[in-house]
Amino acid sequence: MTSSITRRPLTPRQVDLLGRLEQLVLAEGFAHFTLDDLAARLHCSKSTLYALAASKEQLAVRVVGRYFKGAAERIEQRVSEIGDVRARVGTYLAGAAEELRRASAQFIADVSAFAPTRSTYERNARAAAERIRSFIQEGVREGVFREVHATLIAEMAGLLIEGIQTGVLTRRAGVTDAEAFTALGELLLDGLRRERSQA
């Protein structure tokens, strides 16, 4: 984003407001709301919202970015505490499932339908694929995973993650996001496991 205006640090009240706005948007989406609606639901003035963003669309972009950034940080915190690369893959995907459980189908649909938020969403999916690729490469180096084309496997996993996040895959399979991420973890780990020779 290019801007000649430096964004001022948020006040504690603005941080609280953004947090409440994120919860509302995650639960109900954002496309159908007007700024008047949001101000009424959050018990604040429109000018308070304008202090966060110049329009409803820019406010949506800010809130969606906040959600994905926070989710990524929470998942990375969980992964950083685990040494075994196989457990890191499982924990990463379980964390993604947990974060997505906070998001309603309407939120995901609105994010996908609006180009600026869809761009944020796509960057998130690419980052997830990159993390999985790094886990695979590490596992191969350690001899835990068999030799594979790490980038290809990661991109395939990324497409599945995208299918889960958009709801396409889960609707077709009739499963929840959490079940889909669990299955993806099992698929990856079973497919990557190096068979150990019997002594």
C-alpha atoms as a PDB file:
ATOM      1  CA  MET A   1       0.000   0.000   0.000  1.00  0.00           C
ATOM      2  CA  THR A   2       1.388   3.375  -0.910  1.00  0.00           C
ATOM      3  CA  SER A   3       0.427   6.411   1.076  1.00  0.00           C
ATOM      4  CA  SER A   4       2.041   9.762   1.774  1.00  0.00           C
ATOM      5  CA  ILE A   5       0.294   9.852   5.141  1.00  0.00           C
ATOM      6  CA  THR A   6       1.952   8.073   8.046  1.00  0.00           C
ATOM      7  CA  ARG A   7      -0.600   6.085   9.997  1.00  0.00           C
ATOM      8  CA  ARG A   8      -0.767   7.232  13.583  1.00  0.00           C
ATOM      9  CA  PRO A   9      -0.469   4.684  16.399  1.00  0.00           C
ATOM     10  CA  LEU A  10      -3.851   3.454  17.562  1.00  0.00           C
ATOM     11  CA  THR A  11      -5.237   4.602  20.880  1.00  0.00           C
ATOM     12  CA  PRO A  12      -6.340   1.916  23.370  1.00  0.00           C
ATOM     13  CA  ARG A  13      -9.959   2.771  22.507  1.00  0.00           C
ATOM     14  CA  GLN A  14      -9.275   2.253  18.789  1.00  0.00           C
ATOM     15  CA  VAL A  15      -7.549  -1.061  19.465  1.00  0.00           C
ATOM     16  CA  ASP A  16     -10.621  -2.192  21.408  1.00  0.00           C
ATOM     17  CA  LEU A  17     -12.942  -0.940  18.661  1.00  0.00           C
ATOM     18  CA  LEU A  18     -11.002  -2.783  15.957  1.00  0.00           C
ATOM     19  CA  GLY A  19     -11.131  -5.956  18.024  1.00  0.00           C
ATOM     20  CA  ARG A  20     -14.905  -5.694  18.418  1.00  0.00           C
ATOM     21  CA  LEU A  21     -15.296  -4.849  14.743  1.00  0.00           C
ATOM     22  CA  GLU A  22     -13.231  -7.904  13.813  1.00  0.00           C
ATOM     23  CA  GLN A  23     -15.469 -10.142  15.920  1.00  0.00           C
ATOM     24  CA  LEU A  24     -18.593  -8.678  14.312  1.00  0.00           C
ATOM     25  CA  VAL A  25     -17.279  -9.028  10.772  1.00  0.00           C
ATOM     26  CA  LEU A  26     -16.005 -12.564  11.379  1.00  0.00           C
ATOM     27  CA  ALA A  27     -19.459 -13.557  12.608  1.00  0.00           C
ATOM     28  CA  GLU A  28     -21.609 -11.752  10.041  1.00  0.00           C
ATOM     29  CA  GLY A  29     -19.435 -10.677   7.103  1.00  0.00           C
ATOM     30  CA  PHE A  30     -19.130  -7.062   5.976  1.00  0.00           C
ATOM     31  CA  ALA A  31     -20.669  -6.579   2.527  1.00  0.00           C
ATOM     32  CA  HIS A  32     -24.212  -5.900   3.748  1.00  0.00           C
ATOM     33  CA  PHE A  33     -23.210  -3.392   6.427  1.00  0.00           C
ATOM     34  CA  THR A  34     -23.191   0.385   5.963  1.00  0.00           C
ATOM     35  CA  LEU A  35     -21.020   2.614   8.130  1.00  0.00           C
ATOM     36  CA  ASP A  36     -24.211   3.692   9.903  1.00  0.00           C
ATOM     37  CA  ASP A  37     -24.968   0.029  10.654  1.00  0.00           C
ATOM     38  CA  LEU A  38     -21.470  -0.566  12.002  1.00  0.00           C
ATOM     39  CA  ALA A  39     -21.535   2.570  14.140  1.00  0.00           C
ATOM     40  CA  ALA A  40     -24.884   1.517  15.617  1.00  0.00           C
ATOM     41  CA  ARG A  41     -23.747  -2.050  16.315  1.00  0.00           C
ATOM     42  CA  LEU A  42     -20.477  -0.898  17.888  1.00  0.00           C
ATOM     43  CA  HIS A  43     -22.077   1.998  19.816  1.00  0.00           C
ATOM     44  CA  CYS A  44     -19.746   4.593  18.356  1.00  0.00           C
ATOM     45  CA  SER A  45     -19.953   7.502  15.937  1.00  0.00           C
ATOM     46  CA  LYS A  46     -19.223   7.339  12.213  1.00  0.00           C
ATOM     47  CA  SER A  47     -16.413   9.832  12.768  1.00  0.00           C
ATOM     48  CA  THR A  48     -14.806   7.311  15.107  1.00  0.00           C
ATOM     49  CA  LEU A  49     -14.877   4.759  12.301  1.00  0.00           C
ATOM     50  CA  TYR A  50     -13.564   7.315   9.803  1.00  0.00           C
ATOM     51  CA  ALA A  51     -10.567   7.778  12.087  1.00  0.00           C
ATOM     52  CA  LEU A  52      -9.714   4.133  11.352  1.00  0.00           C
ATOM     53  CA  ALA A  53     -10.369   4.205   7.598  1.00  0.00           C
ATOM     54  CA  ALA A  54     -11.691   6.625   4.988  1.00  0.00           C
ATOM     55  CA  SER A  55     -14.505   4.356   3.776  1.00  0.00           C
ATOM     56  CA  LYS A  56     -16.370   1.171   4.599  1.00  0.00           C
ATOM     57  CA  GLU A  57     -14.336  -0.675   1.957  1.00  0.00           C
ATOM     58  CA  GLN A  58     -11.024   0.479   3.421  1.00  0.00           C
ATOM     59  CA  LEU A  59     -12.280  -0.430   6.873  1.00  0.00           C
ATOM     60  CA  ALA A  60     -13.070  -3.941   5.617  1.00  0.00           C
ATOM     61  CA  VAL A  61      -9.573  -4.241   4.163  1.00  0.00           C
ATOM     62  CA  ARG A  62      -8.050  -3.151   7.471  1.00  0.00           C
ATOM     63  CA  VAL A  63     -10.119  -5.558   9.545  1.00  0.00           C
ATOM     64  CA  VAL A  64      -9.541  -8.513   7.208  1.00  0.00           C
ATOM     65  CA  GLY A  65      -5.803  -7.800   7.220  1.00  0.00           C
ATOM     66  CA  ARG A  66      -5.874  -7.645  11.022  1.00  0.00           C
ATOM     67  CA  TYR A  67      -7.615 -11.007  11.221  1.00  0.00           C
ATOM     68  CA  PHE A  68      -5.172 -12.800   8.905  1.00  0.00           C
ATOM     69  CA  LYS A  69      -2.119 -11.182  10.533  1.00  0.00           C
ATOM     70  CA  GLY A  70      -3.300 -12.146  14.004  1.00  0.00           C
ATOM     71  CA  ALA A  71      -4.110 -15.688  12.893  1.00  0.00           C
ATOM     72  CA  ALA A  72      -0.665 -16.121  11.325  1.00  0.00           C
ATOM     73  CA  GLU A  73       1.061 -14.839  14.466  1.00  0.00           C
ATOM     74  CA  ARG A  74      -0.915 -17.164  16.742  1.00  0.00           C
ATOM     75  CA  ILE A  75      -0.209 -20.185  14.532  1.00  0.00           C
ATOM     76  CA  GLU A  76       3.504 -19.351  14.315  1.00  0.00           C
ATOM     77  CA  GLN A  77       3.661 -19.037  18.098  1.00  0.00           C
ATOM     78  CA  ARG A  78       2.305 -22.556  18.457  1.00  0.00           C
ATOM     79  CA  VAL A  79       4.665 -23.955  15.819  1.00  0.00           C
ATOM     80  CA  SER A  80       7.731 -22.259  17.325  1.00  0.00           C
ATOM     81  CA  GLU A  81       7.379 -24.324  20.492  1.00  0.00           C
ATOM     82  CA  ILE A  82       7.609 -27.677  18.676  1.00  0.00           C
ATOM     83  CA  GLY A  83      10.833 -29.392  17.674  1.00  0.00           C
ATOM     84  CA  ASP A  84       9.626 -32.375  15.634  1.00  0.00           C
ATOM     85  CA  VAL A  85       8.951 -31.356  12.028  1.00  0.00           C
ATOM     86  CA  ARG A  86       6.089 -33.849  11.651  1.00  0.00           C
ATOM     87  CA  ALA A  87       4.386 -32.393  14.705  1.00  0.00           C
ATOM     88  CA  ARG A  88       4.941 -28.893  13.314  1.00  0.00           C
ATOM     89  CA  VAL A  89       3.044 -29.775  10.111  1.00  0.00           C
ATOM     90  CA  GLY A  90       0.145 -31.169  12.137  1.00  0.00           C
ATOM     91  CA  THR A  91       0.156 -28.236  14.552  1.00  0.00           C
ATOM     92  CA  TYR A  92       0.301 -25.693  11.727  1.00  0.00           C
ATOM     93  CA  LEU A  93      -2.725 -27.195   9.984  1.00  0.00           C
ATOM     94  CA  ALA A  94      -4.604 -27.665  13.268  1.00  0.00           C
ATOM     95  CA  GLY A  95      -3.934 -24.011  14.037  1.00  0.00           C
ATOM     96  CA  ALA A  96      -5.275 -22.988  10.639  1.00  0.00           C
ATOM     97  CA  ALA A  97      -8.422 -25.009  11.278  1.00  0.00           C
ATOM     98  CA  GLU A  98      -8.877 -23.411  14.693  1.00  0.00           C
ATOM     99  CA  GLU A  99      -8.476 -19.903  13.303  1.00  0.00           C
ATOM    100  CA  LEU A 100     -10.915 -20.585  10.472  1.00  0.00           C
ATOM    101  CA  ARG A 101     -13.527 -21.815  12.930  1.00  0.00           C
ATOM    102  CA  ARG A 102     -13.765 -18.193  14.076  1.00  0.00           C
ATOM    103  CA  ALA A 103     -14.802 -17.090  10.576  1.00  0.00           C
ATOM    104  CA  SER A 104     -18.372 -17.500   9.330  1.00  0.00           C
ATOM    105  CA  ALA A 105     -19.229 -18.689   5.837  1.00  0.00           C
ATOM    106  CA  GLN A 106     -20.547 -15.179   5.126  1.00  0.00           C
ATOM    107  CA  PHE A 107     -17.198 -13.638   6.090  1.00  0.00           C
ATOM    108  CA  ILE A 108     -15.305 -15.983   3.762  1.00  0.00           C
ATOM    109  CA  ALA A 109     -17.799 -15.299   0.953  1.00  0.00           C
ATOM    110  CA  ASP A 110     -17.471 -11.525   1.404  1.00  0.00           C
ATOM    111  CA  VAL A 111     -13.671 -11.719   1.497  1.00  0.00           C
ATOM    112  CA  SER A 112     -13.659 -13.747  -1.722  1.00  0.00           C
ATOM    113  CA  ALA A 113     -16.112 -11.438  -3.500  1.00  0.00           C
ATOM    114  CA  PHE A 114     -14.236  -8.160  -2.825  1.00  0.00           C
ATOM    115  CA  ALA A 115     -10.962  -7.848  -4.781  1.00  0.00           C
ATOM    116  CA  PRO A 116      -8.863  -6.005  -2.140  1.00  0.00           C
ATOM    117  CA  THR A 117      -9.752  -8.451   0.653  1.00  0.00           C
ATOM    118  CA  ARG A 118      -9.449 -11.399  -1.744  1.00  0.00           C
ATOM    119  CA  SER A 119      -5.893 -10.239  -2.430  1.00  0.00           C
ATOM    120  CA  THR A 120      -5.138 -10.335   1.302  1.00  0.00           C
ATOM    121  CA  TYR A 121      -6.683 -13.782   1.489  1.00  0.00           C
ATOM    122  CA  GLU A 122      -4.634 -15.046  -1.468  1.00  0.00           C
ATOM    123  CA  ARG A 123      -1.404 -13.736   0.067  1.00  0.00           C
ATOM    124  CA  ASN A 124      -2.307 -15.649   3.221  1.00  0.00           C
ATOM    125  CA  ALA A 125      -2.847 -18.865   1.245  1.00  0.00           C
ATOM    126  CA  ARG A 126       0.499 -18.396  -0.555  1.00  0.00           C
ATOM    127  CA  ALA A 127       2.235 -17.815   2.776  1.00  0.00           C
ATOM    128  CA  ALA A 128       0.693 -21.025   4.131  1.00  0.00           C
ATOM    129  CA  ALA A 129       1.965 -22.962   1.106  1.00  0.00           C
ATOM    130  CA  GLU A 130       5.427 -21.479   1.640  1.00  0.00           C
ATOM    131  CA  ARG A 131       5.470 -22.524   5.289  1.00  0.00           C
ATOM    132  CA  ILE A 132       4.453 -26.065   4.383  1.00  0.00           C
ATOM    133  CA  ARG A 133       7.197 -26.117   1.733  1.00  0.00           C
ATOM    134  CA  SER A 134       9.747 -25.089   4.371  1.00  0.00           C
ATOM    135  CA  PHE A 135       8.540 -27.851   6.706  1.00  0.00           C
ATOM    136  CA  ILE A 136       8.794 -30.428   3.911  1.00  0.00           C
ATOM    137  CA  GLN A 137      12.308 -29.322   2.955  1.00  0.00           C
ATOM    138  CA  GLU A 138      13.388 -29.472   6.577  1.00  0.00           C
ATOM    139  CA  GLY A 139      11.920 -32.952   6.996  1.00  0.00           C
ATOM    140  CA  VAL A 140      13.696 -34.173   3.866  1.00  0.00           C
ATOM    141  CA  ARG A 141      17.014 -32.752   5.088  1.00  0.00           C
ATOM    142  CA  GLU A 142      16.552 -34.478   8.446  1.00  0.00           C
ATOM    143  CA  GLY A 143      15.698 -37.797   6.780  1.00  0.00           C
ATOM    144  CA  VAL A 144      12.235 -37.780   8.379  1.00  0.00           C
ATOM    145  CA  PHE A 145      10.422 -37.316   5.051  1.00  0.00           C
ATOM    146  CA  ARG A 146      11.233 -39.103   1.817  1.00  0.00           C
ATOM    147  CA  GLU A 147      12.696 -37.152  -1.105  1.00  0.00           C
ATOM    148  CA  VAL A 148       9.919 -35.238  -2.864  1.00  0.00           C
ATOM    149  CA  HIS A 149       9.429 -32.155  -5.024  1.00  0.00           C
ATOM    150  CA  ALA A 150       8.803 -29.894  -2.029  1.00  0.00           C
ATOM    151  CA  THR A 151       7.549 -26.904  -4.031  1.00  0.00           C
ATOM    152  CA  LEU A 152       5.063 -29.014  -5.990  1.00  0.00           C
ATOM    153  CA  ILE A 153       3.712 -30.747  -2.872  1.00  0.00           C
ATOM    154  CA  ALA A 154       3.441 -27.398  -1.077  1.00  0.00           C
ATOM    155  CA  GLU A 155       1.568 -25.805  -3.983  1.00  0.00           C
ATOM    156  CA  MET A 156      -0.816 -28.775  -4.076  1.00  0.00           C
ATOM    157  CA  ALA A 157      -1.359 -28.358  -0.339  1.00  0.00           C
ATOM    158  CA  GLY A 158      -1.885 -24.640  -0.915  1.00  0.00           C
ATOM    159  CA  LEU A 159      -4.643 -25.352  -3.436  1.00  0.00           C
ATOM    160  CA  LEU A 160      -6.323 -27.649  -0.924  1.00  0.00           C
ATOM    161  CA  ILE A 161      -6.019 -24.973   1.764  1.00  0.00           C
ATOM    162  CA  GLU A 162      -7.624 -22.493  -0.627  1.00  0.00           C
ATOM    163  CA  GLY A 163     -10.415 -24.978  -1.314  1.00  0.00           C
ATOM    164  CA  ILE A 164     -11.005 -25.327   2.413  1.00  0.00           C
ATOM    165  CA  GLN A 165     -10.891 -21.579   3.065  1.00  0.00           C
ATOM    166  CA  THR A 166     -13.350 -20.779   0.274  1.00  0.00           C
ATOM    167  CA  GLY A 167     -15.668 -23.581   1.394  1.00  0.00           C
ATOM    168  CA  VAL A 168     -15.642 -25.293  -2.011  1.00  0.00           C
ATOM    169  CA  LEU A 169     -13.891 -28.434  -0.809  1.00  0.00           C
ATOM    170  CA  THR A 170     -15.761 -28.708   2.473  1.00  0.00           C
ATOM    171  CA  ARG A 171     -19.159 -28.291   0.772  1.00  0.00           C
ATOM    172  CA  ARG A 172     -18.375 -30.980  -1.787  1.00  0.00           C
ATOM    173  CA  ALA A 173     -17.059 -33.404   0.823  1.00  0.00           C
ATOM    174  CA  GLY A 174     -19.659 -32.578   3.457  1.00  0.00           C
ATOM    175  CA  VAL A 175     -17.085 -31.967   6.205  1.00  0.00           C
ATOM    176  CA  THR A 176     -16.137 -29.109   8.522  1.00  0.00           C
ATOM    177  CA  ASP A 177     -13.021 -26.959   8.027  1.00  0.00           C
ATOM    178  CA  ALA A 178     -11.426 -28.619  11.035  1.00  0.00           C
ATOM    179  CA  GLU A 179     -12.067 -32.108   9.601  1.00  0.00           C
ATOM    180  CA  ALA A 180     -10.667 -31.013   6.240  1.00  0.00           C
ATOM    181  CA  PHE A 181      -7.449 -29.658   7.779  1.00  0.00           C
ATOM    182  CA  THR A 182      -7.062 -32.816   9.865  1.00  0.00           C
ATOM    183  CA  ALA A 183      -7.413 -34.924   6.711  1.00  0.00           C
ATOM    184  CA  LEU A 184      -4.921 -32.713   4.865  1.00  0.00           C
ATOM    185  CA  GLY A 185      -2.432 -33.190   7.699  1.00  0.00           C
ATOM    186  CA  GLU A 186      -2.872 -36.965   7.569  1.00  0.00           C
ATOM    187  CA  LEU A 187      -2.545 -36.971   3.772  1.00  0.00           C
ATOM    188  CA  LEU A 188       0.674 -34.965   3.866  1.00  0.00           C
ATOM    189  CA  LEU A 189       2.287 -36.830   6.737  1.00  0.00           C
ATOM    190  CA  ASP A 190       1.348 -40.292   5.455  1.00  0.00           C
ATOM    191  CA  GLY A 191       2.512 -39.419   1.939  1.00  0.00           C
ATOM    192  CA  LEU A 192       5.797 -37.915   3.104  1.00  0.00           C
ATOM    193  CA  ARG A 193       6.712 -40.557   5.682  1.00  0.00           C
ATOM    194  CA  ARG A 194       9.969 -42.321   4.983  1.00  0.00           C
ATOM    195  CA  GLU A 195       9.521 -46.064   5.318  1.00  0.00           C
ATOM    196  CA  ARG A 196      12.054 -47.422   7.740  1.00  0.00           C
ATOM    197  CA  SER A 197      13.696 -50.691   6.795  1.00  0.00           C
ATOM    198  CA  GLN A 198      13.164 -53.578   9.130  1.00  0.00           C
ATOM    199  CA  ALA A 199      16.317 -54.561  11.036  1.00  0.00           C
END
